[in-house]
Amino acid sequence: VLLMKRFLFVKIDLKQSLNKFIEEETIKDYDKEADMSLEVIKSGEIDINQLVDIWAKAYKETTLEYAKPEEISWDEDFANVYHDLIHSPASETLLNLEHNYFVSISELISERDVELKKLRERQGAEMDTVMQELGKSLTDQDVNSLAAQHFESQQVN
């Protein structure tokens, strides 16, 4: 039992020592590689601009690979489309078309309002005539029927 405990302690100690050794030697190896790379650059054996381009490309690819893609919000998308529309040559044409549409719709609304006014005046005159004849030659049912006709004709227009 005592031998097993010693073996366990030796095993733990050995594992810790090996991990420390591996870590230290790895750092030394990285430092040696870095020093050699710096010497190559200092001696001019490699083009610095080419090296910068390689590093920039690697950084960009790694960033694109692991970075979350940026999502454009609805507001940003709308702002971009609006900006493109306003600064495009088609904007003046669109404004002219919109103005022409506004003028046409305004004329149609005015004509509709005039026609509705005429219809109401005519229906009012008819109703006055019918009300004067109420009890003489026309009944309440006739007045209600005329009112229903007037209502239907106003709804259609």
N, C-alpha and C. Protein backbone atom coordinates (compact mmCIF):
# COMPACT_ATOMS: atom_id res chain seq x y z
N VAL A 1 0.83 -1.18 0.00
CA VAL A 1 0.00 0.00 0.00
C VAL A 1 0.88 1.25 0.00
N LEU A 2 1.92 1.22 0.81
CA LEU A 2 2.83 2.36 0.89
C LEU A 2 3.52 2.57 -0.46
N LEU A 3 3.86 1.48 -1.11
CA LEU A 3 4.50 1.57 -2.42
C LEU A 3 3.55 2.20 -3.45
N MET A 4 2.26 1.88 -3.38
CA MET A 4 1.26 2.44 -4.30
C MET A 4 1.11 3.94 -4.09
N LYS A 5 1.13 4.39 -2.81
CA LYS A 5 1.01 5.82 -2.52
C LYS A 5 2.21 6.57 -3.08
N ARG A 6 3.42 5.99 -2.89
CA ARG A 6 4.62 6.64 -3.42
C ARG A 6 4.54 6.71 -4.94
N PHE A 7 4.13 5.62 -5.55
CA PHE A 7 4.02 5.60 -7.00
C PHE A 7 3.04 6.67 -7.49
N LEU A 8 1.93 6.85 -6.78
CA LEU A 8 0.93 7.86 -7.14
C LEU A 8 1.53 9.26 -7.05
N PHE A 9 2.27 9.55 -5.96
CA PHE A 9 2.90 10.86 -5.81
C PHE A 9 3.95 11.09 -6.89
N VAL A 10 4.73 10.07 -7.17
CA VAL A 10 5.76 10.18 -8.21
C VAL A 10 5.10 10.42 -9.56
N LYS A 11 4.01 9.73 -9.80
CA LYS A 11 3.29 9.88 -11.08
C LYS A 11 2.76 11.31 -11.22
N ILE A 12 2.17 11.84 -10.17
CA ILE A 12 1.63 13.21 -10.21
C ILE A 12 2.77 14.20 -10.41
N ASP A 13 3.87 14.01 -9.65
CA ASP A 13 5.03 14.89 -9.77
C ASP A 13 5.62 14.83 -11.17
N LEU A 14 5.73 13.64 -11.70
CA LEU A 14 6.29 13.46 -13.04
C LEU A 14 5.41 14.14 -14.09
N LYS A 15 4.12 14.00 -13.95
CA LYS A 15 3.18 14.61 -14.90
C LYS A 15 3.28 16.13 -14.85
N GLN A 16 3.35 16.71 -13.65
CA GLN A 16 3.49 18.16 -13.51
C GLN A 16 4.80 18.63 -14.12
N SER A 17 5.87 17.91 -13.84
CA SER A 17 7.19 18.28 -14.38
C SER A 17 7.20 18.21 -15.90
N LEU A 18 6.59 17.18 -16.45
CA LEU A 18 6.54 17.04 -17.91
C LEU A 18 5.71 18.17 -18.54
N ASN A 19 4.59 18.50 -17.94
CA ASN A 19 3.76 19.59 -18.46
C ASN A 19 4.52 20.91 -18.44
N LYS A 20 5.24 21.17 -17.34
CA LYS A 20 6.02 22.39 -17.22
C LYS A 20 7.13 22.40 -18.27
N PHE A 21 7.81 21.28 -18.45
CA PHE A 21 8.89 21.16 -19.43
C PHE A 21 8.36 21.41 -20.84
N ILE A 22 7.23 20.80 -21.17
CA ILE A 22 6.63 20.96 -22.51
C ILE A 22 6.27 22.41 -22.75
N GLU A 23 5.68 23.05 -21.76
CA GLU A 23 5.28 24.45 -21.90
C GLU A 23 6.50 25.35 -22.11
N GLU A 24 7.55 25.15 -21.29
CA GLU A 24 8.75 25.98 -21.41
C GLU A 24 9.45 25.76 -22.76
N GLU A 25 9.56 24.52 -23.18
CA GLU A 25 10.24 24.22 -24.44
C GLU A 25 9.44 24.72 -25.64
N THR A 26 8.12 24.67 -25.53
CA THR A 26 7.27 25.19 -26.61
C THR A 26 7.48 26.69 -26.76
N ILE A 27 7.52 27.40 -25.62
CA ILE A 27 7.75 28.84 -25.66
C ILE A 27 9.13 29.14 -26.25
N LYS A 28 10.14 28.37 -25.84
CA LYS A 28 11.48 28.57 -26.38
C LYS A 28 11.49 28.32 -27.89
N ASP A 29 10.78 27.29 -28.33
CA ASP A 29 10.73 26.97 -29.76
C ASP A 29 10.05 28.09 -30.54
N TYR A 30 8.93 28.61 -30.00
CA TYR A 30 8.25 29.73 -30.65
C TYR A 30 9.16 30.95 -30.71
N ASP A 31 9.88 31.22 -29.61
CA ASP A 31 10.80 32.36 -29.57
C ASP A 31 11.90 32.20 -30.62
N LYS A 32 12.43 30.97 -30.74
CA LYS A 32 13.50 30.70 -31.71
C LYS A 32 12.98 30.93 -33.13
N GLU A 33 11.76 30.44 -33.42
CA GLU A 33 11.17 30.64 -34.75
C GLU A 33 10.94 32.11 -35.03
N ALA A 34 10.47 32.85 -34.02
CA ALA A 34 10.23 34.28 -34.19
C ALA A 34 11.53 35.02 -34.45
N ASP A 35 12.59 34.68 -33.70
CA ASP A 35 13.89 35.31 -33.90
C ASP A 35 14.42 35.03 -35.30
N MET A 36 14.27 33.80 -35.77
CA MET A 36 14.73 33.45 -37.11
C MET A 36 13.94 34.22 -38.17
N SER A 37 12.64 34.36 -37.97
CA SER A 37 11.82 35.11 -38.92
C SER A 37 12.22 36.58 -38.95
N LEU A 38 12.49 37.15 -37.77
CA LEU A 38 12.93 38.54 -37.71
C LEU A 38 14.27 38.73 -38.40
N GLU A 39 15.17 37.77 -38.25
CA GLU A 39 16.48 37.85 -38.91
C GLU A 39 16.32 37.81 -40.43
N VAL A 40 15.41 36.98 -40.91
CA VAL A 40 15.16 36.89 -42.35
C VAL A 40 14.64 38.23 -42.86
N ILE A 41 13.74 38.86 -42.10
CA ILE A 41 13.18 40.15 -42.51
C ILE A 41 14.26 41.22 -42.47
N LYS A 42 15.08 41.23 -41.39
CA LYS A 42 16.14 42.23 -41.26
C LYS A 42 17.18 42.09 -42.36
N SER A 43 17.45 40.89 -42.77
CA SER A 43 18.48 40.67 -43.79
C SER A 43 17.96 41.01 -45.19
N GLY A 44 16.65 41.18 -45.33
CA GLY A 44 16.08 41.56 -46.62
C GLY A 44 15.85 40.38 -47.55
N GLU A 45 15.89 39.17 -47.03
CA GLU A 45 15.67 37.98 -47.86
C GLU A 45 14.21 37.84 -48.30
N ILE A 46 13.32 38.51 -47.59
CA ILE A 46 11.89 38.43 -47.91
C ILE A 46 11.34 39.84 -48.06
N ASP A 47 10.42 40.00 -49.00
CA ASP A 47 9.81 41.30 -49.25
C ASP A 47 8.78 41.60 -48.15
N ILE A 48 8.97 42.72 -47.47
CA ILE A 48 8.08 43.08 -46.36
C ILE A 48 6.66 43.31 -46.85
N ASN A 49 6.50 43.95 -48.01
CA ASN A 49 5.15 44.21 -48.54
C ASN A 49 4.42 42.90 -48.84
N GLN A 50 5.16 41.94 -49.35
CA GLN A 50 4.55 40.64 -49.63
C GLN A 50 4.12 39.98 -48.32
N LEU A 51 4.96 40.08 -47.31
CA LEU A 51 4.64 39.52 -46.01
C LEU A 51 3.40 40.18 -45.40
N VAL A 52 3.33 41.51 -45.54
CA VAL A 52 2.17 42.25 -45.03
C VAL A 52 0.90 41.79 -45.74
N ASP A 53 0.98 41.63 -47.06
CA ASP A 53 -0.18 41.18 -47.82
C ASP A 53 -0.64 39.79 -47.38
N ILE A 54 0.33 38.90 -47.14
CA ILE A 54 -0.01 37.54 -46.70
C ILE A 54 -0.69 37.58 -45.34
N TRP A 55 -0.15 38.37 -44.42
CA TRP A 55 -0.74 38.48 -43.08
C TRP A 55 -2.13 39.12 -43.14
N ALA A 56 -2.28 40.15 -43.97
CA ALA A 56 -3.59 40.81 -44.08
C ALA A 56 -4.63 39.85 -44.64
N LYS A 57 -4.24 39.08 -45.66
CA LYS A 57 -5.16 38.11 -46.24
C LYS A 57 -5.55 37.04 -45.22
N ALA A 58 -4.55 36.54 -44.48
CA ALA A 58 -4.83 35.51 -43.47
C ALA A 58 -5.74 36.06 -42.37
N TYR A 59 -5.48 37.29 -41.94
CA TYR A 59 -6.31 37.91 -40.90
C TYR A 59 -7.74 38.08 -41.39
N LYS A 60 -7.88 38.57 -42.62
CA LYS A 60 -9.22 38.80 -43.17
C LYS A 60 -9.99 37.49 -43.29
N GLU A 61 -9.34 36.45 -43.80
CA GLU A 61 -10.01 35.15 -43.95
C GLU A 61 -10.41 34.57 -42.60
N THR A 62 -9.52 34.68 -41.63
CA THR A 62 -9.83 34.16 -40.30
C THR A 62 -10.96 34.94 -39.66
N THR A 63 -10.92 36.25 -39.81
CA THR A 63 -11.97 37.09 -39.24
C THR A 63 -13.31 36.76 -39.88
N LEU A 64 -13.34 36.65 -41.20
CA LEU A 64 -14.59 36.33 -41.89
C LEU A 64 -15.09 34.93 -41.52
N GLU A 65 -14.16 34.03 -41.27
CA GLU A 65 -14.55 32.66 -40.95
C GLU A 65 -15.21 32.57 -39.58
N TYR A 66 -14.69 33.31 -38.60
CA TYR A 66 -15.18 33.17 -37.24
C TYR A 66 -16.09 34.31 -36.78
N ALA A 67 -16.07 35.42 -37.46
CA ALA A 67 -16.88 36.56 -37.03
C ALA A 67 -18.33 36.34 -37.43
N LYS A 68 -19.22 36.81 -36.59
CA LYS A 68 -20.65 36.73 -36.89
C LYS A 68 -20.95 37.76 -37.97
N PRO A 69 -21.64 37.35 -39.03
CA PRO A 69 -21.94 38.33 -40.09
C PRO A 69 -22.86 39.43 -39.56
N GLU A 70 -22.56 40.62 -39.97
CA GLU A 70 -23.33 41.77 -39.50
C GLU A 70 -24.66 41.81 -40.23
N GLU A 71 -25.73 41.85 -39.47
CA GLU A 71 -27.07 41.90 -40.07
C GLU A 71 -27.49 43.36 -40.20
N ILE A 72 -28.00 43.69 -41.37
CA ILE A 72 -28.46 45.05 -41.60
C ILE A 72 -29.89 45.16 -41.09
N SER A 73 -30.13 46.16 -40.28
CA SER A 73 -31.47 46.34 -39.73
C SER A 73 -32.39 46.91 -40.81
N TRP A 74 -33.69 46.86 -40.55
CA TRP A 74 -34.67 47.38 -41.49
C TRP A 74 -34.45 48.87 -41.69
N ASP A 75 -34.15 49.60 -40.61
CA ASP A 75 -33.94 51.04 -40.71
C ASP A 75 -32.73 51.37 -41.58
N GLU A 76 -31.64 50.63 -41.40
CA GLU A 76 -30.44 50.87 -42.21
C GLU A 76 -30.72 50.54 -43.67
N ASP A 77 -31.42 49.45 -43.91
CA ASP A 77 -31.75 49.06 -45.27
C ASP A 77 -32.62 50.12 -45.94
N PHE A 78 -33.63 50.60 -45.21
CA PHE A 78 -34.50 51.65 -45.74
C PHE A 78 -33.70 52.91 -46.04
N ALA A 79 -32.82 53.29 -45.11
CA ALA A 79 -32.00 54.49 -45.30
C ALA A 79 -31.12 54.35 -46.54
N ASN A 80 -30.54 53.18 -46.75
CA ASN A 80 -29.69 52.97 -47.93
C ASN A 80 -30.49 53.07 -49.22
N VAL A 81 -31.65 52.45 -49.24
CA VAL A 81 -32.49 52.49 -50.44
C VAL A 81 -32.97 53.92 -50.70
N TYR A 82 -33.38 54.61 -49.63
CA TYR A 82 -33.84 55.99 -49.76
C TYR A 82 -32.71 56.88 -50.28
N HIS A 83 -31.51 56.71 -49.74
CA HIS A 83 -30.35 57.49 -50.18
C HIS A 83 -30.08 57.24 -51.66
N ASP A 84 -30.10 55.98 -52.07
CA ASP A 84 -29.87 55.65 -53.48
C ASP A 84 -30.94 56.26 -54.37
N LEU A 85 -32.17 56.24 -53.91
CA LEU A 85 -33.27 56.80 -54.69
C LEU A 85 -33.13 58.31 -54.84
N ILE A 86 -32.85 58.99 -53.73
CA ILE A 86 -32.76 60.45 -53.76
C ILE A 86 -31.60 60.91 -54.63
N HIS A 87 -30.50 60.19 -54.59
CA HIS A 87 -29.32 60.61 -55.33
C HIS A 87 -29.21 59.97 -56.71
N SER A 88 -30.28 59.34 -57.15
CA SER A 88 -30.25 58.74 -58.49
C SER A 88 -30.87 59.73 -59.49
N PRO A 89 -30.55 59.59 -60.76
CA PRO A 89 -31.14 60.48 -61.76
C PRO A 89 -32.65 60.27 -61.92
N ALA A 90 -33.16 59.17 -61.44
CA ALA A 90 -34.59 58.89 -61.58
C ALA A 90 -35.43 59.66 -60.57
N SER A 91 -34.81 60.30 -59.58
CA SER A 91 -35.59 60.95 -58.52
C SER A 91 -36.44 62.09 -59.07
N GLU A 92 -35.89 62.89 -59.99
CA GLU A 92 -36.68 63.99 -60.54
C GLU A 92 -37.86 63.46 -61.35
N THR A 93 -37.63 62.42 -62.10
CA THR A 93 -38.71 61.80 -62.87
C THR A 93 -39.80 61.27 -61.94
N LEU A 94 -39.37 60.62 -60.86
CA LEU A 94 -40.34 60.09 -59.89
C LEU A 94 -41.12 61.22 -59.22
N LEU A 95 -40.44 62.32 -58.90
CA LEU A 95 -41.14 63.45 -58.29
C LEU A 95 -42.18 64.03 -59.26
N ASN A 96 -41.83 64.14 -60.54
CA ASN A 96 -42.78 64.64 -61.53
C ASN A 96 -43.98 63.70 -61.67
N LEU A 97 -43.70 62.40 -61.70
CA LEU A 97 -44.80 61.43 -61.79
C LEU A 97 -45.69 61.50 -60.56
N GLU A 98 -45.08 61.64 -59.40
CA GLU A 98 -45.86 61.74 -58.17
C GLU A 98 -46.72 63.00 -58.17
N HIS A 99 -46.17 64.11 -58.65
CA HIS A 99 -46.94 65.36 -58.71
C HIS A 99 -48.11 65.21 -59.69
N ASN A 100 -47.86 64.61 -60.85
CA ASN A 100 -48.94 64.40 -61.82
C ASN A 100 -50.03 63.50 -61.24
N TYR A 101 -49.61 62.47 -60.52
CA TYR A 101 -50.57 61.58 -59.87
C TYR A 101 -51.40 62.36 -58.84
N PHE A 102 -50.75 63.20 -58.06
CA PHE A 102 -51.45 64.01 -57.06
C PHE A 102 -52.47 64.93 -57.73
N VAL A 103 -52.08 65.58 -58.82
CA VAL A 103 -53.00 66.49 -59.53
C VAL A 103 -54.20 65.70 -60.07
N SER A 104 -53.94 64.55 -60.68
CA SER A 104 -55.04 63.74 -61.24
C SER A 104 -56.00 63.28 -60.15
N ILE A 105 -55.46 62.80 -59.05
CA ILE A 105 -56.30 62.33 -57.94
C ILE A 105 -57.09 63.49 -57.35
N SER A 106 -56.46 64.65 -57.22
CA SER A 106 -57.17 65.82 -56.69
C SER A 106 -58.34 66.20 -57.59
N GLU A 107 -58.13 66.17 -58.90
CA GLU A 107 -59.21 66.48 -59.84
C GLU A 107 -60.35 65.47 -59.71
N LEU A 108 -60.00 64.18 -59.63
CA LEU A 108 -61.03 63.14 -59.47
C LEU A 108 -61.82 63.34 -58.18
N ILE A 109 -61.14 63.67 -57.11
CA ILE A 109 -61.83 63.88 -55.83
C ILE A 109 -62.75 65.09 -55.92
N SER A 110 -62.29 66.15 -56.57
CA SER A 110 -63.14 67.34 -56.74
C SER A 110 -64.38 67.02 -57.56
N GLU A 111 -64.19 66.29 -58.66
CA GLU A 111 -65.33 65.89 -59.49
C GLU A 111 -66.31 65.03 -58.70
N ARG A 112 -65.78 64.10 -57.91
CA ARG A 112 -66.64 63.25 -57.08
C ARG A 112 -67.44 64.08 -56.10
N ASP A 113 -66.77 65.05 -55.47
CA ASP A 113 -67.46 65.90 -54.49
C ASP A 113 -68.57 66.72 -55.15
N VAL A 114 -68.32 67.24 -56.36
CA VAL A 114 -69.34 68.01 -57.08
C VAL A 114 -70.52 67.12 -57.43
N GLU A 115 -70.24 65.91 -57.93
CA GLU A 115 -71.32 64.98 -58.28
C GLU A 115 -72.13 64.58 -57.05
N LEU A 116 -71.45 64.33 -55.93
CA LEU A 116 -72.18 63.99 -54.70
C LEU A 116 -73.05 65.14 -54.23
N LYS A 117 -72.56 66.37 -54.37
CA LYS A 117 -73.35 67.54 -53.98
C LYS A 117 -74.60 67.65 -54.86
N LYS A 118 -74.43 67.46 -56.18
CA LYS A 118 -75.58 67.51 -57.10
C LYS A 118 -76.58 66.41 -56.75
N LEU A 119 -76.08 65.21 -56.47
CA LEU A 119 -76.94 64.08 -56.13
C LEU A 119 -77.74 64.38 -54.86
N ARG A 120 -77.07 64.93 -53.85
CA ARG A 120 -77.77 65.24 -52.59
C ARG A 120 -78.83 66.33 -52.80
N GLU A 121 -78.50 67.33 -53.62
CA GLU A 121 -79.47 68.39 -53.89
C GLU A 121 -80.69 67.82 -54.62
N ARG A 122 -80.44 66.97 -55.64
CA ARG A 122 -81.55 66.38 -56.40
C ARG A 122 -82.39 65.49 -55.49
N GLN A 123 -81.71 64.67 -54.65
CA GLN A 123 -82.43 63.78 -53.75
C GLN A 123 -83.20 64.58 -52.70
N GLY A 124 -82.62 65.69 -52.26
CA GLY A 124 -83.32 66.55 -51.30
C GLY A 124 -84.59 67.13 -51.90
N ALA A 125 -84.50 67.57 -53.17
CA ALA A 125 -85.68 68.11 -53.86
C ALA A 125 -86.74 67.03 -54.04
N GLU A 126 -86.31 65.82 -54.42
CA GLU A 126 -87.25 64.71 -54.57
C GLU A 126 -87.94 64.40 -53.24
N MET A 127 -87.15 64.39 -52.17
CA MET A 127 -87.71 64.06 -50.86
C MET A 127 -88.70 65.14 -50.41
N ASP A 128 -88.38 66.42 -50.71
CA ASP A 128 -89.32 67.50 -50.37
C ASP A 128 -90.65 67.32 -51.11
N THR A 129 -90.56 66.96 -52.40
CA THR A 129 -91.76 66.75 -53.19
C THR A 129 -92.58 65.59 -52.63
N VAL A 130 -91.90 64.50 -52.29
CA VAL A 130 -92.58 63.32 -51.75
C VAL A 130 -93.21 63.65 -50.41
N MET A 131 -92.53 64.41 -49.58
CA MET A 131 -93.05 64.75 -48.25
C MET A 131 -94.32 65.62 -48.37
N GLN A 132 -94.37 66.45 -49.40
CA GLN A 132 -95.56 67.27 -49.60
C GLN A 132 -96.75 66.42 -50.05
N GLU A 133 -96.45 65.33 -50.75
CA GLU A 133 -97.50 64.44 -51.22
C GLU A 133 -97.86 63.36 -50.20
N LEU A 134 -97.10 63.31 -49.08
CA LEU A 134 -97.35 62.30 -48.06
C LEU A 134 -98.76 62.50 -47.48
N GLY A 135 -99.51 61.45 -47.49
CA GLY A 135 -100.87 61.50 -46.96
C GLY A 135 -101.89 61.78 -48.04
N LYS A 136 -101.49 62.44 -49.13
CA LYS A 136 -102.42 62.74 -50.22
C LYS A 136 -102.44 61.55 -51.19
N SER A 137 -101.31 61.37 -51.90
CA SER A 137 -101.26 60.27 -52.87
C SER A 137 -100.17 59.25 -52.53
N LEU A 138 -99.30 59.56 -51.54
CA LEU A 138 -98.20 58.66 -51.18
C LEU A 138 -98.30 58.24 -49.72
N THR A 139 -97.76 57.06 -49.43
CA THR A 139 -97.80 56.53 -48.06
C THR A 139 -96.40 56.58 -47.45
N ASP A 140 -96.33 56.19 -46.18
CA ASP A 140 -95.02 56.12 -45.49
C ASP A 140 -94.11 55.10 -46.19
N GLN A 141 -94.71 54.05 -46.69
CA GLN A 141 -93.94 53.03 -47.40
C GLN A 141 -93.28 53.62 -48.64
N ASP A 142 -93.97 54.49 -49.35
CA ASP A 142 -93.39 55.14 -50.54
C ASP A 142 -92.20 56.02 -50.15
N VAL A 143 -92.33 56.74 -49.04
CA VAL A 143 -91.24 57.61 -48.56
C VAL A 143 -90.04 56.75 -48.16
N ASN A 144 -90.29 55.65 -47.44
CA ASN A 144 -89.20 54.75 -47.03
C ASN A 144 -88.52 54.13 -48.24
N SER A 145 -89.27 53.76 -49.24
CA SER A 145 -88.72 53.18 -50.46
C SER A 145 -87.82 54.19 -51.18
N LEU A 146 -88.27 55.44 -51.27
CA LEU A 146 -87.47 56.48 -51.91
C LEU A 146 -86.19 56.75 -51.10
N ALA A 147 -86.30 56.77 -49.78
CA ALA A 147 -85.12 56.98 -48.92
C ALA A 147 -84.11 55.85 -49.11
N ALA A 148 -84.61 54.61 -49.25
CA ALA A 148 -83.72 53.47 -49.47
C ALA A 148 -83.03 53.59 -50.82
N GLN A 149 -83.76 54.03 -51.84
CA GLN A 149 -83.16 54.24 -53.17
C GLN A 149 -82.08 55.32 -53.11
N HIS A 150 -82.38 56.39 -52.40
CA HIS A 150 -81.39 57.48 -52.26
C HIS A 150 -80.13 56.97 -51.56
N PHE A 151 -80.32 56.20 -50.51
CA PHE A 151 -79.19 55.67 -49.75
C PHE A 151 -78.32 54.77 -50.64
N GLU A 152 -78.98 53.89 -51.40
CA GLU A 152 -78.24 52.98 -52.29
C GLU A 152 -77.48 53.75 -53.36
N SER A 153 -78.09 54.76 -53.94
CA SER A 153 -77.40 55.52 -54.99
C SER A 153 -76.22 56.32 -54.42
N GLN A 154 -76.32 56.77 -53.17
CA GLN A 154 -75.18 57.46 -52.55
C GLN A 154 -74.04 56.48 -52.25
N GLN A 155 -74.38 55.26 -51.88
CA GLN A 155 -73.34 54.27 -51.56
C GLN A 155 -72.59 53.84 -52.82
N VAL A 156 -73.28 53.78 -53.95
CA VAL A 156 -72.65 53.40 -55.20
C VAL A 156 -71.69 54.50 -55.66
N ASN A 157 -72.10 55.73 -55.50
CA ASN A 157 -71.26 56.85 -55.93
C ASN A 157 -70.23 57.10 -54.88
